[in-house]
N, C-alpha and C. Protein backbone atom coordinates (compact mmCIF):
# COMPACT_ATOMS: atom_id res chain seq x y z
N MET A 1 -3.16 -51.54 -41.31
CA MET A 1 -2.09 -50.56 -40.64
C MET A 1 -2.92 -49.25 -40.13
N LYS A 2 -2.51 -49.18 -38.89
CA LYS A 2 -3.14 -48.16 -38.21
C LYS A 2 -2.17 -46.73 -38.36
N SER A 3 -3.55 -45.67 -38.30
CA SER A 3 -2.73 -44.20 -38.86
C SER A 3 -2.23 -43.69 -37.56
N LEU A 4 -1.27 -43.07 -37.88
CA LEU A 4 -0.87 -42.31 -36.54
C LEU A 4 -0.98 -40.82 -36.48
N GLU A 5 -1.71 -40.40 -37.43
CA GLU A 5 -2.18 -38.88 -37.55
C GLU A 5 -3.23 -38.63 -36.57
N ASN A 6 -2.90 -36.69 -36.31
CA ASN A 6 -3.82 -36.38 -35.22
C ASN A 6 -5.19 -36.32 -35.37
N GLN A 7 -6.01 -37.43 -35.48
CA GLN A 7 -7.52 -37.30 -35.74
C GLN A 7 -7.84 -36.94 -34.51
N ASP A 8 -7.75 -37.39 -33.39
CA ASP A 8 -8.70 -36.72 -32.43
C ASP A 8 -8.02 -35.53 -31.69
N ASN A 9 -7.53 -34.77 -31.84
CA ASN A 9 -6.71 -33.83 -31.09
C ASN A 9 -6.94 -34.40 -29.55
N ARG A 10 -6.02 -35.24 -29.25
CA ARG A 10 -5.48 -35.60 -27.71
C ARG A 10 -4.47 -34.82 -28.01
N PRO A 11 -3.67 -34.11 -26.51
CA PRO A 11 -2.66 -33.66 -26.24
C PRO A 11 -1.21 -34.82 -27.03
N ASP A 12 -1.84 -36.13 -26.56
CA ASP A 12 -0.41 -36.64 -26.67
C ASP A 12 -0.18 -37.25 -28.22
N ALA A 13 -1.46 -37.14 -29.23
CA ALA A 13 -1.74 -37.48 -30.50
C ALA A 13 -0.95 -36.87 -31.36
N LEU A 14 -0.10 -37.63 -32.58
CA LEU A 14 0.90 -37.25 -33.44
C LEU A 14 0.58 -36.36 -34.33
N SER A 15 1.63 -35.65 -34.59
CA SER A 15 1.14 -34.08 -35.80
C SER A 15 1.07 -34.62 -37.00
N ALA A 16 0.80 -34.26 -38.14
CA ALA A 16 0.94 -34.90 -39.51
C ALA A 16 2.44 -34.96 -39.92
N SER A 17 3.00 -33.78 -39.16
CA SER A 17 5.04 -33.86 -39.55
C SER A 17 5.21 -35.10 -38.91
N GLU A 18 4.56 -35.30 -37.62
CA GLU A 18 5.35 -36.63 -36.66
C GLU A 18 5.15 -37.47 -37.24
N SER A 19 3.73 -37.78 -37.60
CA SER A 19 3.48 -38.99 -38.44
C SER A 19 4.29 -39.47 -39.75
N GLU A 20 4.77 -38.27 -40.22
CA GLU A 20 5.21 -38.36 -41.57
C GLU A 20 6.93 -39.00 -41.34
N PHE A 21 7.43 -38.31 -40.57
CA PHE A 21 8.69 -38.42 -39.88
C PHE A 21 8.96 -39.85 -39.66
N ILE A 22 8.07 -40.51 -38.97
CA ILE A 22 7.73 -41.68 -38.11
C ILE A 22 7.54 -42.97 -39.60
N HIS A 23 6.63 -42.31 -40.49
CA HIS A 23 6.61 -43.31 -41.46
C HIS A 23 7.86 -43.20 -42.11
N PHE A 24 8.66 -42.38 -42.70
CA PHE A 24 9.98 -42.44 -43.10
C PHE A 24 10.84 -43.62 -42.82
N PHE A 25 11.28 -43.03 -41.04
CA PHE A 25 11.75 -44.44 -40.61
C PHE A 25 11.26 -45.54 -40.32
N VAL A 26 9.84 -45.73 -40.38
CA VAL A 26 9.20 -47.33 -40.09
C VAL A 26 9.69 -47.85 -41.71
N ARG A 27 9.73 -46.85 -42.90
CA ARG A 27 10.14 -47.90 -44.11
C ARG A 27 11.88 -47.80 -44.21
N LEU A 28 12.71 -47.38 -43.48
CA LEU A 28 13.59 -47.70 -43.34
C LEU A 28 14.39 -48.78 -42.76
N ALA A 29 13.44 -48.95 -41.60
CA ALA A 29 13.76 -50.17 -40.38
C ALA A 29 13.32 -51.19 -41.21
N SER A 30 12.16 -50.95 -42.23
CA SER A 30 12.07 -52.37 -42.63
C SER A 30 12.66 -52.72 -43.86
N ALA A 31 13.24 -51.40 -44.52
CA ALA A 31 14.58 -52.18 -45.53
C ALA A 31 15.65 -52.55 -45.20
N LEU A 32 16.16 -51.81 -43.67
CA LEU A 32 16.86 -52.75 -42.56
C LEU A 32 16.84 -54.25 -42.18
N ASN A 33 15.86 -54.35 -41.88
CA ASN A 33 15.21 -55.60 -41.47
C ASN A 33 14.95 -55.81 -40.07
N LEU A 34 14.97 -54.60 -39.78
CA LEU A 34 14.36 -54.25 -38.23
C LEU A 34 13.15 -54.12 -37.92
N PRO A 35 12.61 -54.23 -36.45
CA PRO A 35 11.03 -54.30 -36.28
C PRO A 35 10.39 -52.65 -36.38
N ARG A 36 9.32 -52.75 -37.00
CA ARG A 36 8.40 -51.54 -36.86
C ARG A 36 8.94 -50.43 -36.28
N SER A 37 8.76 -51.32 -34.76
CA SER A 37 8.58 -50.75 -33.91
C SER A 37 9.87 -49.63 -33.99
N VAL A 38 11.13 -50.00 -33.87
CA VAL A 38 12.50 -49.40 -33.74
C VAL A 38 12.05 -48.20 -34.97
N GLY A 39 11.66 -48.28 -36.19
CA GLY A 39 11.36 -47.07 -36.76
C GLY A 39 10.30 -46.11 -36.44
N GLU A 40 9.07 -46.61 -35.74
CA GLU A 40 8.33 -45.46 -35.03
C GLU A 40 9.01 -44.81 -33.67
N LEU A 41 9.91 -45.64 -32.90
CA LEU A 41 10.63 -44.83 -32.03
C LEU A 41 11.72 -44.03 -32.40
N PHE A 42 12.47 -44.52 -33.48
CA PHE A 42 13.40 -43.38 -33.93
C PHE A 42 12.68 -42.29 -34.10
N GLY A 43 11.88 -42.62 -35.23
CA GLY A 43 10.89 -41.52 -36.19
C GLY A 43 10.48 -40.11 -34.95
N LEU A 44 9.78 -40.65 -34.40
CA LEU A 44 9.18 -40.07 -33.11
C LEU A 44 10.36 -39.43 -31.99
N LEU A 45 11.41 -39.56 -31.70
CA LEU A 45 12.69 -39.01 -30.98
C LEU A 45 13.18 -38.27 -32.40
N PHE A 46 13.21 -38.68 -33.29
CA PHE A 46 14.42 -37.59 -34.19
C PHE A 46 13.49 -36.24 -35.03
N ALA A 47 11.82 -36.25 -34.93
CA ALA A 47 11.20 -35.28 -35.12
C ALA A 47 10.69 -34.64 -33.89
N ALA A 48 11.08 -35.20 -32.54
CA ALA A 48 11.19 -34.25 -31.24
C ALA A 48 11.77 -32.86 -31.18
N GLU A 49 11.25 -31.82 -30.67
CA GLU A 49 12.30 -30.81 -30.23
C GLU A 49 12.70 -30.89 -29.14
N ASP A 50 12.19 -31.80 -28.09
CA ASP A 50 12.53 -31.97 -26.75
C ASP A 50 12.86 -33.60 -26.33
N PRO A 51 13.58 -33.99 -25.62
CA PRO A 51 13.90 -35.01 -24.98
C PRO A 51 12.47 -35.52 -24.67
N ILE A 52 12.03 -37.02 -24.95
CA ILE A 52 11.10 -37.56 -24.44
C ILE A 52 10.79 -38.62 -23.33
N PRO A 53 9.84 -38.14 -22.29
CA PRO A 53 10.10 -39.73 -21.34
C PRO A 53 9.53 -40.73 -21.92
N PHE A 54 9.59 -41.94 -21.31
CA PHE A 54 9.72 -43.14 -21.63
C PHE A 54 7.87 -43.43 -21.98
N ASP A 55 7.30 -42.89 -20.41
CA ASP A 55 5.35 -42.88 -20.83
C ASP A 55 5.05 -42.25 -21.82
N GLU A 56 5.32 -41.12 -22.29
CA GLU A 56 4.93 -40.22 -23.19
C GLU A 56 5.50 -41.12 -24.74
N ILE A 57 6.27 -41.52 -24.82
CA ILE A 57 6.80 -42.28 -26.18
C ILE A 57 5.38 -43.59 -26.04
N VAL A 58 5.56 -44.44 -25.01
CA VAL A 58 4.43 -45.52 -25.44
C VAL A 58 3.17 -44.93 -25.64
N SER A 59 2.67 -43.82 -24.84
CA SER A 59 1.39 -42.98 -25.18
C SER A 59 1.34 -42.59 -26.12
N ARG A 60 1.91 -41.77 -26.91
CA ARG A 60 2.05 -41.31 -28.18
C ARG A 60 1.95 -42.15 -29.21
N LEU A 61 2.85 -43.15 -29.15
CA LEU A 61 3.04 -44.07 -30.59
C LEU A 61 1.64 -45.25 -30.56
N GLY A 62 1.26 -45.60 -28.91
CA GLY A 62 0.13 -46.51 -28.90
C GLY A 62 0.93 -48.04 -29.06
N ILE A 63 2.24 -48.15 -28.54
CA ILE A 63 2.93 -49.61 -28.45
C ILE A 63 2.94 -49.70 -27.24
N SER A 64 3.49 -51.42 -27.10
CA SER A 64 3.45 -51.80 -25.45
C SER A 64 4.72 -51.05 -24.87
N LYS A 65 4.53 -51.01 -23.70
CA LYS A 65 6.10 -51.09 -22.97
C LYS A 65 6.60 -51.84 -23.06
N GLY A 66 6.26 -53.18 -23.37
CA GLY A 66 7.75 -54.15 -23.71
C GLY A 66 8.32 -53.60 -24.90
N SER A 67 7.38 -53.66 -25.99
CA SER A 67 8.10 -52.88 -27.39
C SER A 67 8.68 -51.70 -27.48
N ALA A 68 8.16 -51.04 -26.50
CA ALA A 68 9.18 -49.54 -26.28
C ALA A 68 10.42 -50.15 -25.61
N SER A 69 10.33 -50.35 -24.46
CA SER A 69 11.75 -50.66 -23.94
C SER A 69 12.66 -51.78 -24.80
N GLN A 70 12.17 -52.36 -25.22
CA GLN A 70 13.26 -53.40 -26.04
C GLN A 70 13.84 -52.56 -27.53
N GLY A 71 13.13 -51.95 -27.88
CA GLY A 71 13.32 -50.97 -29.08
C GLY A 71 14.31 -49.72 -28.62
N LEU A 72 13.88 -48.98 -27.40
CA LEU A 72 14.70 -47.95 -26.82
C LEU A 72 16.13 -48.82 -26.39
N LYS A 73 16.35 -49.98 -25.98
CA LYS A 73 17.03 -50.62 -25.98
C LYS A 73 18.29 -51.16 -26.73
N PHE A 74 17.71 -51.33 -28.08
CA PHE A 74 18.43 -51.48 -29.16
C PHE A 74 19.05 -50.02 -29.98
N LEU A 75 18.12 -48.87 -29.56
CA LEU A 75 18.40 -47.48 -30.30
C LEU A 75 19.63 -47.28 -29.29
N THR A 76 19.44 -47.50 -28.18
CA THR A 76 20.50 -46.54 -27.33
C THR A 76 21.99 -47.59 -27.19
N LYS A 77 21.72 -49.01 -27.68
CA LYS A 77 22.63 -49.74 -27.92
C LYS A 77 23.47 -49.46 -29.11
N THR A 78 23.01 -49.00 -29.99
CA THR A 78 23.67 -48.79 -31.63
C THR A 78 24.27 -47.15 -31.33
N GLY A 79 23.45 -46.13 -30.30
CA GLY A 79 24.35 -45.04 -30.19
C GLY A 79 23.07 -43.88 -31.15
N ALA A 80 21.91 -44.56 -31.58
CA ALA A 80 20.98 -44.20 -32.39
C ALA A 80 20.09 -43.05 -31.68
N ALA A 81 20.22 -43.24 -29.95
CA ALA A 81 19.15 -42.84 -29.21
C ALA A 81 20.30 -42.57 -27.62
N THR A 82 19.96 -41.66 -26.81
CA THR A 82 20.75 -41.73 -25.82
C THR A 82 19.41 -41.17 -24.86
N ILE A 83 20.24 -41.61 -23.22
CA ILE A 83 18.80 -41.00 -22.46
C ILE A 83 19.80 -39.99 -21.59
N VAL A 84 18.39 -39.17 -21.83
CA VAL A 84 18.83 -37.80 -21.15
C VAL A 84 18.36 -37.39 -19.83
N TYR A 85 19.43 -36.73 -18.82
CA TYR A 85 18.94 -36.55 -17.54
C TYR A 85 18.24 -34.95 -17.71
N VAL A 86 17.06 -35.14 -17.13
CA VAL A 86 16.22 -33.55 -16.99
C VAL A 86 16.18 -33.67 -15.56
N PRO A 87 16.75 -32.59 -14.94
CA PRO A 87 16.86 -32.48 -13.47
C PRO A 87 15.08 -31.83 -12.92
N ARG A 88 15.32 -32.74 -11.71
CA ARG A 88 13.63 -33.03 -10.78
C ARG A 88 12.61 -33.60 -11.71
N ASP A 89 13.11 -34.49 -12.35
CA ASP A 89 12.05 -35.34 -13.08
C ASP A 89 12.79 -36.64 -12.87
N ARG A 90 12.11 -37.76 -12.46
CA ARG A 90 12.77 -39.12 -11.97
C ARG A 90 12.28 -40.02 -13.30
N ARG A 91 11.74 -39.63 -14.25
CA ARG A 91 11.29 -40.50 -15.44
C ARG A 91 12.92 -40.38 -16.40
N THR A 92 12.71 -41.54 -17.17
CA THR A 92 13.48 -41.64 -18.18
C THR A 92 13.08 -41.18 -19.58
N PHE A 93 14.10 -40.00 -19.93
CA PHE A 93 13.88 -39.38 -21.20
C PHE A 93 14.91 -39.59 -22.29
N TYR A 94 14.47 -39.79 -23.21
CA TYR A 94 15.35 -40.02 -24.79
C TYR A 94 15.23 -39.43 -25.73
N GLU A 95 16.43 -39.00 -26.21
CA GLU A 95 16.74 -38.24 -27.65
C GLU A 95 17.32 -38.77 -28.60
N ALA A 96 17.00 -38.44 -29.93
CA ALA A 96 17.21 -38.87 -31.11
C ALA A 96 18.95 -38.59 -31.32
N GLU A 97 19.74 -39.32 -31.77
CA GLU A 97 21.32 -39.01 -32.53
C GLU A 97 20.89 -38.52 -34.08
N THR A 98 21.45 -37.21 -34.12
CA THR A 98 21.05 -36.87 -35.20
C THR A 98 22.44 -36.37 -36.58
N SER A 99 23.34 -37.08 -35.67
CA SER A 99 24.82 -37.09 -36.64
C SER A 99 24.75 -38.46 -37.22
N MET A 100 24.55 -38.62 -38.81
CA MET A 100 24.86 -39.33 -39.83
C MET A 100 26.24 -40.37 -39.44
N ARG A 101 27.18 -39.93 -39.26
CA ARG A 101 28.47 -40.44 -38.92
C ARG A 101 28.44 -41.30 -37.51
N ARG A 102 27.92 -40.62 -36.33
CA ARG A 102 27.55 -41.23 -35.08
C ARG A 102 26.65 -42.53 -35.27
N LEU A 103 25.70 -42.65 -36.17
CA LEU A 103 24.68 -43.40 -36.29
C LEU A 103 25.08 -44.68 -37.30
N VAL A 104 25.56 -44.22 -37.89
CA VAL A 104 26.44 -45.60 -38.92
C VAL A 104 27.21 -46.16 -38.44
N GLY A 105 28.38 -45.32 -37.62
CA GLY A 105 29.46 -45.61 -36.62
C GLY A 105 29.10 -46.70 -35.65
N GLY A 106 27.89 -46.33 -34.94
CA GLY A 106 27.28 -47.03 -33.95
C GLY A 106 26.65 -48.57 -34.83
N ALA A 107 26.01 -48.45 -35.73
CA ALA A 107 25.73 -49.55 -36.13
C ALA A 107 26.39 -50.40 -36.98
N LEU A 108 27.85 -50.39 -37.68
CA LEU A 108 28.69 -50.66 -37.99
C LEU A 108 29.60 -51.37 -36.29
N LYS A 109 29.62 -50.63 -35.42
CA LYS A 109 30.26 -51.48 -34.19
C LYS A 109 29.12 -52.65 -33.77
N GLU A 110 27.88 -52.21 -33.53
CA GLU A 110 27.13 -53.05 -32.91
C GLU A 110 26.23 -53.87 -33.33
N THR A 111 26.17 -54.11 -34.91
CA THR A 111 25.23 -55.09 -35.72
C THR A 111 26.15 -55.61 -36.75
N VAL A 112 26.84 -54.52 -37.56
CA VAL A 112 27.68 -55.15 -38.49
C VAL A 112 28.89 -56.20 -38.39
N ARG A 113 29.61 -55.64 -37.48
CA ARG A 113 30.99 -55.94 -36.70
C ARG A 113 30.40 -57.47 -35.87
N PRO A 114 29.54 -57.49 -35.25
CA PRO A 114 29.09 -59.05 -34.49
C PRO A 114 28.63 -59.97 -35.69
N HIS A 115 27.62 -59.75 -36.21
CA HIS A 115 27.49 -60.39 -37.51
C HIS A 115 28.56 -61.24 -38.42
N LEU A 116 29.38 -60.25 -38.88
CA LEU A 116 30.54 -60.90 -39.30
C LEU A 116 31.27 -61.56 -38.74
N GLU A 117 31.70 -61.03 -37.52
CA GLU A 117 32.61 -61.91 -36.56
C GLU A 117 31.84 -63.40 -36.28
N GLY A 118 30.64 -63.66 -36.27
CA GLY A 118 29.86 -64.81 -35.87
C GLY A 118 29.36 -65.86 -36.73
N ASN A 119 29.84 -65.10 -37.93
CA ASN A 119 29.81 -65.91 -39.27
C ASN A 119 30.62 -67.37 -39.56
N ASP A 120 31.68 -67.65 -38.64
CA ASP A 120 32.49 -68.82 -38.32
C ASP A 120 31.82 -70.10 -38.17
N THR A 121 30.91 -69.84 -37.19
CA THR A 121 30.03 -70.77 -36.89
C THR A 121 28.86 -71.47 -38.39
N TYR A 122 28.85 -70.50 -39.04
CA TYR A 122 27.58 -71.02 -40.07
C TYR A 122 28.72 -71.74 -41.20
N PHE A 123 30.00 -70.68 -41.66
CA PHE A 123 31.01 -71.42 -42.40
C PHE A 123 30.84 -72.68 -41.88
N GLU A 124 30.95 -73.42 -40.92
CA GLU A 124 31.26 -74.55 -40.26
C GLU A 124 30.28 -75.21 -40.68
N LYS A 125 28.96 -74.98 -40.41
CA LYS A 125 27.80 -75.76 -40.63
C LYS A 125 27.76 -75.96 -41.97
N ILE A 126 27.97 -74.92 -43.10
CA ILE A 126 27.93 -75.33 -44.38
C ILE A 126 28.70 -76.44 -44.96
N GLU A 127 30.01 -76.20 -44.38
CA GLU A 127 31.25 -77.37 -44.82
C GLU A 127 30.98 -78.79 -44.38
N LYS A 128 30.49 -78.92 -42.80
CA LYS A 128 29.78 -80.28 -42.72
C LYS A 128 28.53 -80.52 -43.55
N SER A 129 27.73 -79.79 -43.63
CA SER A 129 26.92 -80.45 -44.62
C SER A 129 27.17 -81.11 -46.21
N ILE A 130 28.28 -79.71 -46.53
CA ILE A 130 28.44 -80.41 -48.24
C ILE A 130 29.15 -82.01 -47.99
N GLU A 131 29.79 -81.98 -46.64
CA GLU A 131 30.88 -83.00 -46.57
C GLU A 131 30.25 -84.22 -46.41
N ALA A 132 29.04 -83.82 -45.38
CA ALA A 132 27.49 -85.16 -45.41
C ALA A 132 27.08 -85.55 -46.25
N SER A 133 26.85 -84.55 -47.11
CA SER A 133 25.97 -84.97 -48.86
C SER A 133 26.55 -86.22 -49.48
N GLU A 134 25.72 -86.84 -49.33
CA GLU A 134 26.24 -88.28 -49.90
C GLU A 134 25.26 -88.34 -51.73
N ASP A 135 24.45 -87.52 -51.66
CA ASP A 135 23.89 -87.53 -53.28
C ASP A 135 24.82 -86.60 -54.14
N LEU A 136 25.37 -85.84 -53.93
CA LEU A 136 25.87 -84.71 -54.44
C LEU A 136 27.16 -85.61 -55.33
N SER A 137 27.15 -84.92 -56.63
CA SER A 137 27.58 -85.49 -57.79
C SER A 137 29.31 -84.72 -57.25
N LYS A 138 30.30 -85.14 -57.82
CA LYS A 138 31.89 -84.82 -57.71
C LYS A 138 31.78 -82.76 -58.17
N LYS A 139 31.19 -82.66 -59.21
CA LYS A 139 30.82 -81.36 -59.77
C LYS A 139 30.08 -80.52 -59.00
N SER A 140 29.11 -81.06 -58.36
CA SER A 140 27.82 -80.23 -57.38
C SER A 140 28.86 -80.02 -56.03
N MET A 141 29.75 -80.92 -55.42
CA MET A 141 30.62 -80.70 -54.71
C MET A 141 31.74 -79.54 -54.42
N SER A 142 31.91 -79.76 -55.68
CA SER A 142 33.33 -78.60 -56.14
C SER A 142 32.49 -77.83 -56.24
N HIS A 143 31.60 -77.37 -57.31
CA HIS A 143 30.76 -76.20 -56.79
C HIS A 143 30.19 -75.49 -55.34
N LEU A 144 29.82 -76.12 -54.66
CA LEU A 144 29.37 -75.61 -53.52
C LEU A 144 30.88 -75.29 -52.42
N GLU A 145 31.63 -76.22 -52.79
CA GLU A 145 32.99 -75.58 -52.21
C GLU A 145 33.45 -74.38 -52.67
N HIS A 146 33.55 -73.96 -53.76
CA HIS A 146 33.87 -72.65 -54.38
C HIS A 146 33.09 -71.64 -53.74
N ARG A 147 31.44 -72.23 -53.46
CA ARG A 147 30.69 -70.93 -53.26
C ARG A 147 31.29 -70.51 -51.99
N LEU A 148 31.34 -71.92 -50.77
CA LEU A 148 31.51 -71.48 -49.42
C LEU A 148 33.07 -70.71 -49.29
N ALA A 149 33.80 -70.97 -50.43
CA ALA A 149 35.30 -69.82 -50.38
C ALA A 149 34.95 -68.68 -50.37
N ALA A 150 34.10 -68.46 -51.52
CA ALA A 150 33.95 -67.37 -51.86
C ALA A 150 33.31 -66.33 -50.77
N LEU A 151 32.30 -67.02 -50.15
CA LEU A 151 31.77 -66.20 -48.86
C LEU A 151 32.39 -66.37 -48.05
N LYS A 152 33.47 -67.19 -47.56
CA LYS A 152 34.39 -66.96 -46.48
C LYS A 152 35.51 -65.65 -47.05
N ASN A 153 35.72 -65.40 -48.37
CA ASN A 153 36.62 -64.09 -48.82
C ASN A 153 35.41 -62.77 -48.60
N TRP A 154 34.75 -63.15 -49.19
CA TRP A 154 33.41 -61.44 -48.78
C TRP A 154 33.62 -61.43 -47.57
N ASN A 155 33.37 -62.51 -46.41
CA ASN A 155 33.39 -61.95 -45.26
C ASN A 155 34.35 -61.35 -44.68
N GLU A 156 35.55 -61.85 -45.01
CA GLU A 156 37.10 -61.64 -44.58
C GLU A 156 37.08 -60.27 -44.90
N LYS A 157 37.17 -59.77 -46.37
CA LYS A 157 37.24 -58.60 -46.74
C LYS A 157 36.04 -57.60 -45.97
N ALA A 158 34.92 -57.90 -45.88
CA ALA A 158 34.27 -56.61 -45.19
C ALA A 158 34.85 -56.74 -43.96
N LEU A 159 35.23 -57.37 -43.18
CA LEU A 159 35.72 -57.62 -41.84
C LEU A 159 37.20 -56.33 -42.04
N GLN A 160 37.97 -56.90 -43.14
CA GLN A 160 38.79 -55.90 -43.38
C GLN A 160 38.67 -54.37 -43.86
N MET A 161 37.48 -54.29 -44.04
CA MET A 161 36.96 -52.96 -44.58
C MET A 161 36.31 -52.18 -43.28
N LEU A 162 35.70 -52.96 -42.47
CA LEU A 162 35.02 -52.30 -41.36
C LEU A 162 36.09 -51.58 -40.44
N PRO A 163 37.40 -51.28 -40.14
CA PRO A 163 38.31 -50.39 -39.84
C PRO A 163 37.96 -48.96 -40.49
N LEU A 164 38.43 -49.35 -41.49
CA LEU A 164 37.93 -48.57 -42.77
C LEU A 164 36.86 -47.23 -42.42
N LEU A 165 35.59 -48.33 -42.91
CA LEU A 165 34.53 -47.51 -42.92
C LEU A 165 34.40 -46.68 -41.29
N GLU A 166 34.82 -47.19 -40.30
CA GLU A 166 34.54 -46.65 -39.14
C GLU A 166 35.17 -45.46 -38.77
N PHE A 167 36.37 -45.49 -39.35
CA PHE A 167 37.22 -44.28 -39.18
C PHE A 167 36.46 -43.25 -40.06
N PHE A 168 36.02 -43.50 -41.56
CA PHE A 168 35.58 -42.83 -42.43
C PHE A 168 34.43 -41.96 -41.43
N PHE A 169 33.77 -42.68 -40.75
CA PHE A 169 32.52 -42.13 -40.33
C PHE A 169 32.52 -41.50 -38.83
N SER A 170 33.97 -41.29 -38.40
CA SER A 170 34.57 -40.91 -37.48
C SER A 170 35.33 -39.61 -37.43
N ALA A 171 35.93 -39.59 -38.90
CA ALA A 171 36.79 -38.25 -39.05
C ALA A 171 36.00 -37.27 -39.71
N PRO A 172 36.53 -35.93 -39.19
CA PRO A 172 35.75 -34.91 -39.62
C PRO A 172 35.56 -34.74 -41.02
N ILE A 173 34.15 -34.09 -41.33
CA ILE A 173 34.27 -33.96 -43.17
C ILE A 173 34.78 -32.65 -42.98
N PRO A 174 35.38 -32.44 -44.36
CA PRO A 174 35.52 -30.91 -44.89
C PRO A 174 34.55 -30.73 -45.18
N LYS A 175 34.36 -29.25 -45.73
CA LYS A 175 33.34 -28.25 -45.96
C LYS A 175 33.16 -28.41 -47.40
N SER A 176 34.38 -28.67 -47.91
CA SER A 176 34.27 -28.79 -49.51
C SER A 176 35.40 -29.88 -50.08
N LEU A 177 34.93 -29.93 -51.30
CA LEU A 177 36.13 -30.96 -51.65
C LEU A 177 37.68 -29.83 -51.57
N PHE A 178 37.42 -28.86 -52.31
CA PHE A 178 38.57 -27.73 -52.26
C PHE A 178 39.27 -27.80 -50.77
N ASP A 179 38.55 -28.03 -49.77
CA ASP A 179 39.68 -27.97 -48.52
C ASP A 179 39.99 -29.38 -48.65
N LEU A 180 39.79 -30.37 -49.37
CA LEU A 180 40.65 -31.18 -49.44
C LEU A 180 41.89 -31.29 -49.98
N MET A 181 42.05 -30.53 -50.76
CA MET A 181 43.55 -30.48 -51.67
C MET A 181 43.97 -28.89 -51.41
N LYS A 182 43.64 -28.49 -50.21
CA LYS A 182 44.40 -27.41 -49.48
C LYS A 182 45.75 -27.80 -48.74
N ARG A 183 46.90 -27.43 -48.94
CA ARG A 183 47.61 -28.24 -48.57
C ARG A 183 47.79 -28.10 -46.68
N HIS A 184 48.38 -29.06 -45.69
CA HIS A 184 49.02 -28.83 -44.97
C HIS A 184 49.32 -27.83 -44.19
N PRO A 185 48.73 -27.53 -42.81
CA PRO A 185 49.29 -25.91 -42.63
C PRO A 185 50.80 -25.94 -42.24
N ASP A 186 51.22 -27.44 -41.71
CA ASP A 186 52.88 -27.49 -41.48
C ASP A 186 53.61 -27.42 -42.83
N GLU A 187 53.21 -27.95 -44.04
CA GLU A 187 53.93 -27.57 -44.90
C GLU A 187 54.62 -26.43 -45.30
N PRO A 188 55.52 -26.43 -45.80
CA PRO A 188 56.26 -25.04 -46.39
C PRO A 188 55.57 -24.79 -47.68
N GLU A 189 55.69 -23.28 -47.51
CA GLU A 189 55.13 -22.78 -49.04
C GLU A 189 55.50 -23.23 -50.24
N PRO A 190 55.37 -23.31 -51.57
CA PRO A 190 56.16 -23.94 -52.55
C PRO A 190 56.87 -22.81 -52.82
N HIS A 191 57.90 -22.95 -53.48
CA HIS A 191 59.02 -21.81 -54.30
C HIS A 191 58.49 -21.50 -55.56
N THR A 192 58.60 -20.50 -56.28
CA THR A 192 58.10 -20.21 -57.63
C THR A 192 59.08 -19.88 -57.97
């Protein structure tokens, strides 16, 4: 594993703090089964004070242009990064999204929803494989059919919950729990 720390004092080398941010997001990317480069890219953008041009991202992370391009495309598609216009500069600049609500909302729309909506194909394959299995006992076949039914049910419930999760991550967050309990401004004052 190569070290991302600023050991050679090059102007484009990473600082120790940038390396730690990158390490954090590499671990997160790994936990989410995303490529390491996605974690590196988001970590660098997240730690940056200003938008970073594509060529500098490639240079500072020491990754290929193809890997950077693919990772940045994924990050912009999910809303985790945005392309930023910098006047009088023709390069493409990127900036990290730092709002958790927008990050999760984008991930739900771009990755979770399509995955859940595309599961019908897999359910059909599983069902056909159960039906085609001649060596299964009736008990085993019944067991697998029940498991498939459970899987379909889980998928349907997850799809039903997505609008709620999307709303939750797009709704304004109250400053405190007590704000939730405050009366609505249009409500009349209670009589005492």
